[in-house]
Amino acid sequence: MAGQAGGFEFTTAHNGEVSITHHGHHAATLRGSAARKFLADVETADAQALMARVTGNYRRGNERTAKNHPRNAGRRR
């Protein structure tokens, strides 16, 4: 389904670090309190959406609006 996060996986190391991959490529490593908070949150939330948010790899729904904004007029691709 379009607009939904997918392809994320995470592994936990013996030292408490959490490694997040996206389609097999390393996306982020969480350590310390961030890793503990992630592991607590992943128990109750949608894991895919949470990993997308943590890594910054998600659509915000405003890409088309931002592309058409006058401030970005010179940045056409």
PDB file of N, CA and C in Angstrom:
ATOM      1  N   MET A   1       0.845  -1.182   0.000  1.00  0.00           N
ATOM      2  CA  MET A   1       0.000   0.000   0.000  1.00  0.00           C
ATOM      3  C   MET A   1       0.886   1.238   0.000  1.00  0.00           C
ATOM      4  N   ALA A   2       0.591   2.205  -0.805  1.00  0.00           N
ATOM      5  CA  ALA A   2       1.386   3.424  -0.909  1.00  0.00           C
ATOM      6  C   ALA A   2       1.291   4.236   0.377  1.00  0.00           C
ATOM      7  N   GLY A   3       2.424   4.843   0.733  1.00  0.00           N
ATOM      8  CA  GLY A   3       2.438   5.692   1.908  1.00  0.00           C
ATOM      9  C   GLY A   3       2.729   4.977   3.211  1.00  0.00           C
ATOM     10  N   GLN A   4       2.846   3.656   3.162  1.00  0.00           N
ATOM     11  CA  GLN A   4       3.154   2.931   4.385  1.00  0.00           C
ATOM     12  C   GLN A   4       4.611   2.516   4.389  1.00  0.00           C
ATOM     13  N   ALA A   5       5.218   2.533   5.574  1.00  0.00           N
ATOM     14  CA  ALA A   5       6.605   2.128   5.711  1.00  0.00           C
ATOM     15  C   ALA A   5       6.713   0.624   5.532  1.00  0.00           C
ATOM     16  N   GLY A   6       7.829   0.179   5.003  1.00  0.00           N
ATOM     17  CA  GLY A   6       8.050  -1.241   4.832  1.00  0.00           C
ATOM     18  C   GLY A   6       9.505  -1.508   4.525  1.00  0.00           C
ATOM     19  N   GLY A   7       9.920  -2.751   4.698  1.00  0.00           N
ATOM     20  CA  GLY A   7      11.287  -3.136   4.388  1.00  0.00           C
ATOM     21  C   GLY A   7      12.276  -2.919   5.508  1.00  0.00           C
ATOM     22  N   PHE A   8      11.807  -2.533   6.679  1.00  0.00           N
ATOM     23  CA  PHE A   8      12.704  -2.310   7.803  1.00  0.00           C
ATOM     24  C   PHE A   8      12.841  -3.577   8.637  1.00  0.00           C
ATOM     25  N   GLU A   9      14.030  -3.792   9.176  1.00  0.00           N
ATOM     26  CA  GLU A   9      14.286  -4.866  10.132  1.00  0.00           C
ATOM     27  C   GLU A   9      15.239  -4.320  11.191  1.00  0.00           C
ATOM     28  N   PHE A  10      15.178  -4.899  12.383  1.00  0.00           N
ATOM     29  CA  PHE A  10      16.134  -4.481  13.403  1.00  0.00           C
ATOM     30  C   PHE A  10      16.686  -5.695  14.126  1.00  0.00           C
ATOM     31  N   THR A  11      17.919  -5.535  14.604  1.00  0.00           N
ATOM     32  CA  THR A  11      18.556  -6.568  15.414  1.00  0.00           C
ATOM     33  C   THR A  11      19.115  -5.898  16.658  1.00  0.00           C
ATOM     34  N   THR A  12      19.164  -6.662  17.732  1.00  0.00           N
ATOM     35  CA  THR A  12      19.692  -6.159  18.988  1.00  0.00           C
ATOM     36  C   THR A  12      20.989  -6.885  19.305  1.00  0.00           C
ATOM     37  N   ALA A  13      22.029  -6.148  19.606  1.00  0.00           N
ATOM     38  CA  ALA A  13      23.327  -6.719  19.964  1.00  0.00           C
ATOM     39  C   ALA A  13      23.360  -7.006  21.460  1.00  0.00           C
ATOM     40  N   HIS A  14      24.332  -7.794  21.871  1.00  0.00           N
ATOM     41  CA  HIS A  14      24.437  -8.165  23.285  1.00  0.00           C
ATOM     42  C   HIS A  14      24.726  -6.967  24.180  1.00  0.00           C
ATOM     43  N   ASN A  15      25.306  -5.893  23.620  1.00  0.00           N
ATOM     44  CA  ASN A  15      25.601  -4.704  24.422  1.00  0.00           C
ATOM     45  C   ASN A  15      24.440  -3.708  24.458  1.00  0.00           C
ATOM     46  N   GLY A  16      23.294  -4.075  23.873  1.00  0.00           N
ATOM     47  CA  GLY A  16      22.108  -3.232  23.919  1.00  0.00           C
ATOM     48  C   GLY A  16      21.912  -2.347  22.707  1.00  0.00           C
ATOM     49  N   GLU A  17      22.880  -2.324  21.783  1.00  0.00           N
ATOM     50  CA  GLU A  17      22.716  -1.520  20.578  1.00  0.00           C
ATOM     51  C   GLU A  17      21.654  -2.133  19.673  1.00  0.00           C
ATOM     52  N   VAL A  18      20.915  -1.269  19.004  1.00  0.00           N
ATOM     53  CA  VAL A  18      19.900  -1.706  18.045  1.00  0.00           C
ATOM     54  C   VAL A  18      20.347  -1.232  16.671  1.00  0.00           C
ATOM     55  N   SER A  19      20.452  -2.168  15.738  1.00  0.00           N
ATOM     56  CA  SER A  19      20.825  -1.843  14.376  1.00  0.00           C
ATOM     57  C   SER A  19      19.590  -1.970  13.495  1.00  0.00           C
ATOM     58  N   ILE A  20      19.281  -0.928  12.737  1.00  0.00           N
ATOM     59  CA  ILE A  20      18.111  -0.911  11.863  1.00  0.00           C
ATOM     60  C   ILE A  20      18.585  -0.922  10.417  1.00  0.00           C
ATOM     61  N   THR A  21      18.008  -1.825   9.622  1.00  0.00           N
ATOM     62  CA  THR A  21      18.319  -1.887   8.200  1.00  0.00           C
ATOM     63  C   THR A  21      17.050  -1.628   7.402  1.00  0.00           C
ATOM     64  N   HIS A  22      17.238  -1.120   6.201  1.00  0.00           N
ATOM     65  CA  HIS A  22      16.122  -0.868   5.293  1.00  0.00           C
ATOM     66  C   HIS A  22      16.465  -1.525   3.968  1.00  0.00           C
ATOM     67  N   HIS A  23      15.700  -2.544   3.604  1.00  0.00           N
ATOM     68  CA  HIS A  23      15.949  -3.344   2.402  1.00  0.00           C
ATOM     69  C   HIS A  23      17.386  -3.845   2.366  1.00  0.00           C
ATOM     70  N   GLY A  24      17.887  -4.285   3.512  1.00  0.00           N
ATOM     71  CA  GLY A  24      19.212  -4.874   3.598  1.00  0.00           C
ATOM     72  C   GLY A  24      20.352  -3.897   3.766  1.00  0.00           C
ATOM     73  N   HIS A  25      20.094  -2.606   3.726  1.00  0.00           N
ATOM     74  CA  HIS A  25      21.137  -1.599   3.877  1.00  0.00           C
ATOM     75  C   HIS A  25      21.039  -0.962   5.260  1.00  0.00           C
ATOM     76  N   HIS A  26      22.187  -0.755   5.893  1.00  0.00           N
ATOM     77  CA  HIS A  26      22.216  -0.155   7.222  1.00  0.00           C
ATOM     78  C   HIS A  26      21.593   1.239   7.176  1.00  0.00           C
ATOM     79  N   ALA A  27      20.648   1.490   8.074  1.00  0.00           N
ATOM     80  CA  ALA A  27      19.969   2.780   8.113  1.00  0.00           C
ATOM     81  C   ALA A  27      20.293   3.563   9.381  1.00  0.00           C
ATOM     82  N   ALA A  28      20.441   2.873  10.522  1.00  0.00           N
ATOM     83  CA  ALA A  28      20.707   3.577  11.773  1.00  0.00           C
ATOM     84  C   ALA A  28      21.178   2.597  12.836  1.00  0.00           C
ATOM     85  N   THR A  29      21.905   3.131  13.805  1.00  0.00           N
ATOM     86  CA  THR A  29      22.286   2.383  14.993  1.00  0.00           C
ATOM     87  C   THR A  29      21.859   3.202  16.198  1.00  0.00           C
ATOM     88  N   LEU A  30      21.103   2.579  17.083  1.00  0.00           N
ATOM     89  CA  LEU A  30      20.645   3.255  18.296  1.00  0.00           C
ATOM     90  C   LEU A  30      21.430   2.710  19.477  1.00  0.00           C
ATOM     91  N   ARG A  31      21.854   3.598  20.357  1.00  0.00           N
ATOM     92  CA  ARG A  31      22.626   3.203  21.539  1.00  0.00           C
ATOM     93  C   ARG A  31      22.033   3.855  22.779  1.00  0.00           C
ATOM     94  N   GLY A  32      22.296   3.283  23.916  1.00  0.00           N
ATOM     95  CA  GLY A  32      21.919   3.872  25.188  1.00  0.00           C
ATOM     96  C   GLY A  32      20.427   4.045  25.370  1.00  0.00           C
ATOM     97  N   SER A  33      20.046   5.238  25.835  1.00  0.00           N
ATOM     98  CA  SER A  33      18.640   5.492  26.144  1.00  0.00           C
ATOM     99  C   SER A  33      17.760   5.462  24.893  1.00  0.00           C
ATOM    100  N   ALA A  34      18.308   5.855  23.740  1.00  0.00           N
ATOM    101  CA  ALA A  34      17.521   5.809  22.505  1.00  0.00           C
ATOM    102  C   ALA A  34      17.175   4.366  22.148  1.00  0.00           C
ATOM    103  N   ALA A  35      18.135   3.459  22.340  1.00  0.00           N
ATOM    104  CA  ALA A  35      17.888   2.043  22.051  1.00  0.00           C
ATOM    105  C   ALA A  35      16.866   1.470  23.027  1.00  0.00           C
ATOM    106  N   ARG A  36      16.990   1.814  24.297  1.00  0.00           N
ATOM    107  CA  ARG A  36      16.040   1.304  25.292  1.00  0.00           C
ATOM    108  C   ARG A  36      14.631   1.825  25.017  1.00  0.00           C
ATOM    109  N   LYS A  37      14.511   3.098  24.667  1.00  0.00           N
ATOM    110  CA  LYS A  37      13.200   3.669  24.362  1.00  0.00           C
ATOM    111  C   LYS A  37      12.617   3.008  23.109  1.00  0.00           C
ATOM    112  N   PHE A  38      13.434   2.781  22.095  1.00  0.00           N
ATOM    113  CA  PHE A  38      12.969   2.135  20.874  1.00  0.00           C
ATOM    114  C   PHE A  38      12.436   0.738  21.178  1.00  0.00           C
ATOM    115  N   LEU A  39      13.188  -0.041  21.958  1.00  0.00           N
ATOM    116  CA  LEU A  39      12.763  -1.408  22.278  1.00  0.00           C
ATOM    117  C   LEU A  39      11.473  -1.431  23.087  1.00  0.00           C
ATOM    118  N   ALA A  40      11.278  -0.443  23.945  1.00  0.00           N
ATOM    119  CA  ALA A  40      10.034  -0.360  24.713  1.00  0.00           C
ATOM    120  C   ALA A  40       8.871   0.040  23.801  1.00  0.00           C
ATOM    121  N   ASP A  41       9.118   0.990  22.907  1.00  0.00           N
ATOM    122  CA  ASP A  41       8.061   1.472  22.015  1.00  0.00           C
ATOM    123  C   ASP A  41       7.671   0.447  20.963  1.00  0.00           C
ATOM    124  N   VAL A  42       8.626  -0.352  20.492  1.00  0.00           N
ATOM    125  CA  VAL A  42       8.341  -1.304  19.420  1.00  0.00           C
ATOM    126  C   VAL A  42       7.398  -2.414  19.889  1.00  0.00           C
ATOM    127  N   GLU A  43       7.285  -2.601  21.193  1.00  0.00           N
ATOM    128  CA  GLU A  43       6.374  -3.611  21.742  1.00  0.00           C
ATOM    129  C   GLU A  43       4.912  -3.206  21.571  1.00  0.00           C
ATOM    130  N   THR A  44       4.642  -1.898  21.578  1.00  0.00           N
ATOM    131  CA  THR A  44       3.254  -1.437  21.554  1.00  0.00           C
ATOM    132  C   THR A  44       2.872  -0.691  20.282  1.00  0.00           C
ATOM    133  N   ALA A  45       3.843  -0.309  19.466  1.00  0.00           N
ATOM    134  CA  ALA A  45       3.560   0.485  18.263  1.00  0.00           C
ATOM    135  C   ALA A  45       3.819  -0.338  17.005  1.00  0.00           C
ATOM    136  N   ASP A  46       3.445   0.211  15.860  1.00  0.00           N
ATOM    137  CA  ASP A  46       3.734  -0.400  14.571  1.00  0.00           C
ATOM    138  C   ASP A  46       5.235  -0.313  14.346  1.00  0.00           C
ATOM    139  N   ALA A  47       5.895  -1.455  14.299  1.00  0.00           N
ATOM    140  CA  ALA A  47       7.354  -1.503  14.213  1.00  0.00           C
ATOM    141  C   ALA A  47       7.867  -0.828  12.947  1.00  0.00           C
ATOM    142  N   GLN A  48       7.209  -1.054  11.809  1.00  0.00           N
ATOM    143  CA  GLN A  48       7.661  -0.464  10.552  1.00  0.00           C
ATOM    144  C   GLN A  48       7.584   1.065  10.599  1.00  0.00           C
ATOM    145  N   ALA A  49       6.489   1.595  11.083  1.00  0.00           N
ATOM    146  CA  ALA A  49       6.333   3.051  11.175  1.00  0.00           C
ATOM    147  C   ALA A  49       7.323   3.649  12.163  1.00  0.00           C
ATOM    148  N   LEU A  50       7.554   2.963  13.259  1.00  0.00           N
ATOM    149  CA  LEU A  50       8.496   3.448  14.268  1.00  0.00           C
ATOM    150  C   LEU A  50       9.912   3.491  13.699  1.00  0.00           C
ATOM    151  N   MET A  51      10.320   2.436  12.988  1.00  0.00           N
ATOM    152  CA  MET A  51      11.665   2.421  12.410  1.00  0.00           C
ATOM    153  C   MET A  51      11.800   3.480  11.325  1.00  0.00           C
ATOM    154  N   ALA A  52      10.755   3.717  10.553  1.00  0.00           N
ATOM    155  CA  ALA A  52      10.790   4.775   9.542  1.00  0.00           C
ATOM    156  C   ALA A  52      10.967   6.132  10.206  1.00  0.00           C
ATOM    157  N   ARG A  53      10.264   6.353  11.290  1.00  0.00           N
ATOM    158  CA  ARG A  53      10.363   7.630  11.999  1.00  0.00           C
ATOM    159  C   ARG A  53      11.743   7.814  12.613  1.00  0.00           C
ATOM    160  N   VAL A  54      12.280   6.757  13.208  1.00  0.00           N
ATOM    161  CA  VAL A  54      13.594   6.837  13.854  1.00  0.00           C
ATOM    162  C   VAL A  54      14.692   7.123  12.836  1.00  0.00           C
ATOM    163  N   THR A  55      14.599   6.512  11.665  1.00  0.00           N
ATOM    164  CA  THR A  55      15.638   6.695  10.656  1.00  0.00           C
ATOM    165  C   THR A  55      15.414   7.925   9.794  1.00  0.00           C
ATOM    166  N   GLY A  56      14.228   8.534   9.869  1.00  0.00           N
ATOM    167  CA  GLY A  56      13.931   9.696   9.049  1.00  0.00           C
ATOM    168  C   GLY A  56      13.540   9.322   7.631  1.00  0.00           C
ATOM    169  N   ASN A  57      13.286   8.041   7.388  1.00  0.00           N
ATOM    170  CA  ASN A  57      12.977   7.553   6.048  1.00  0.00           C
ATOM    171  C   ASN A  57      11.470   7.330   5.923  1.00  0.00           C
ATOM    172  N   TYR A  58      10.742   8.405   5.818  1.00  0.00           N
ATOM    173  CA  TYR A  58       9.299   8.283   5.657  1.00  0.00           C
ATOM    174  C   TYR A  58       8.774   9.512   4.938  1.00  0.00           C
ATOM    175  N   ARG A  59       7.666   9.360   4.297  1.00  0.00           N
ATOM    176  CA  ARG A  59       7.048  10.464   3.571  1.00  0.00           C
ATOM    177  C   ARG A  59       6.152  11.242   4.521  1.00  0.00           C
ATOM    178  N   ARG A  60       6.156  12.534   4.357  1.00  0.00           N
ATOM    179  CA  ARG A  60       5.376  13.381   5.243  1.00  0.00           C
ATOM    180  C   ARG A  60       4.064  13.838   4.611  1.00  0.00           C
ATOM    181  N   GLY A  61       3.879  13.538   3.330  1.00  0.00           N
ATOM    182  CA  GLY A  61       2.642  13.892   2.659  1.00  0.00           C
ATOM    183  C   GLY A  61       2.632  15.269   2.036  1.00  0.00           C
ATOM    184  N   ASN A  62       3.723  16.036   2.205  1.00  0.00           N
ATOM    185  CA  ASN A  62       3.725  17.396   1.681  1.00  0.00           C
ATOM    186  C   ASN A  62       4.775  17.592   0.594  1.00  0.00           C
ATOM    187  N   GLU A  63       5.285  16.520   0.010  1.00  0.00           N
ATOM    188  CA  GLU A  63       6.349  16.651  -0.972  1.00  0.00           C
ATOM    189  C   GLU A  63       5.903  17.452  -2.194  1.00  0.00           C
ATOM    190  N   ARG A  64       4.709  17.169  -2.692  1.00  0.00           N
ATOM    191  CA  ARG A  64       4.235  17.871  -3.884  1.00  0.00           C
ATOM    192  C   ARG A  64       4.025  19.342  -3.581  1.00  0.00           C
ATOM    193  N   THR A  65       3.465  19.660  -2.438  1.00  0.00           N
ATOM    194  CA  THR A  65       3.237  21.048  -2.054  1.00  0.00           C
ATOM    195  C   THR A  65       4.565  21.791  -1.939  1.00  0.00           C
ATOM    196  N   ALA A  66       5.543  21.183  -1.326  1.00  0.00           N
ATOM    197  CA  ALA A  66       6.843  21.825  -1.157  1.00  0.00           C
ATOM    198  C   ALA A  66       7.540  22.007  -2.499  1.00  0.00           C
ATOM    199  N   LYS A  67       7.391  21.042  -3.394  1.00  0.00           N
ATOM    200  CA  LYS A  67       8.024  21.137  -4.703  1.00  0.00           C
ATOM    201  C   LYS A  67       7.489  22.324  -5.485  1.00  0.00           C
ATOM    202  N   ASN A  68       6.214  22.632  -5.316  1.00  0.00           N
ATOM    203  CA  ASN A  68       5.585  23.724  -6.055  1.00  0.00           C
ATOM    204  C   ASN A  68       5.678  25.076  -5.358  1.00  0.00           C
ATOM    205  N   HIS A  69       6.289  25.132  -4.200  1.00  0.00           N
ATOM    206  CA  HIS A  69       6.394  26.388  -3.451  1.00  0.00           C
ATOM    207  C   HIS A  69       7.361  27.331  -4.172  1.00  0.00           C
ATOM    208  N   PRO A  70       7.052  28.637  -4.214  1.00  0.00           N
ATOM    209  CA  PRO A  70       7.920  29.592  -4.906  1.00  0.00           C
ATOM    210  C   PRO A  70       9.369  29.580  -4.416  1.00  0.00           C
ATOM    211  N   ARG A  71       9.569  29.316  -3.159  1.00  0.00           N
ATOM    212  CA  ARG A  71      10.925  29.280  -2.604  1.00  0.00           C
ATOM    213  C   ARG A  71      11.764  28.195  -3.281  1.00  0.00           C
ATOM    214  N   ASN A  72      11.126  27.129  -3.731  1.00  0.00           N
ATOM    215  CA  ASN A  72      11.845  26.020  -4.342  1.00  0.00           C
ATOM    216  C   ASN A  72      11.771  26.024  -5.861  1.00  0.00           C
ATOM    217  N   ALA A  73      11.335  27.116  -6.446  1.00  0.00           N
ATOM    218  CA  ALA A  73      11.139  27.180  -7.899  1.00  0.00           C
ATOM    219  C   ALA A  73      12.439  26.951  -8.665  1.00  0.00           C
ATOM    220  N   GLY A  74      13.546  27.392  -8.144  1.00  0.00           N
ATOM    221  CA  GLY A  74      14.828  27.223  -8.822  1.00  0.00           C
ATOM    222  C   GLY A  74      15.444  25.854  -8.628  1.00  0.00           C
ATOM    223  N   ARG A  75      14.810  25.005  -7.871  1.00  0.00           N
ATOM    224  CA  ARG A  75      15.357  23.688  -7.562  1.00  0.00           C
ATOM    225  C   ARG A  75      14.626  22.570  -8.285  1.00  0.00           C
ATOM    226  N   ARG A  76      14.118  22.821  -9.431  1.00  0.00           N
ATOM    227  CA  ARG A  76      13.382  21.795 -10.200  1.00  0.00           C
ATOM    228  C   ARG A  76      14.336  20.696 -10.613  1.00  0.00           C
ATOM    229  N   ARG A  77      13.808  19.499 -10.591  1.00  0.00           N
ATOM    230  CA  ARG A  77      14.630  18.342 -10.970  1.00  0.00           C
ATOM    231  C   ARG A  77      14.123  17.710 -12.204  1.00  0.00           C
TER     232      ARG A  77
END
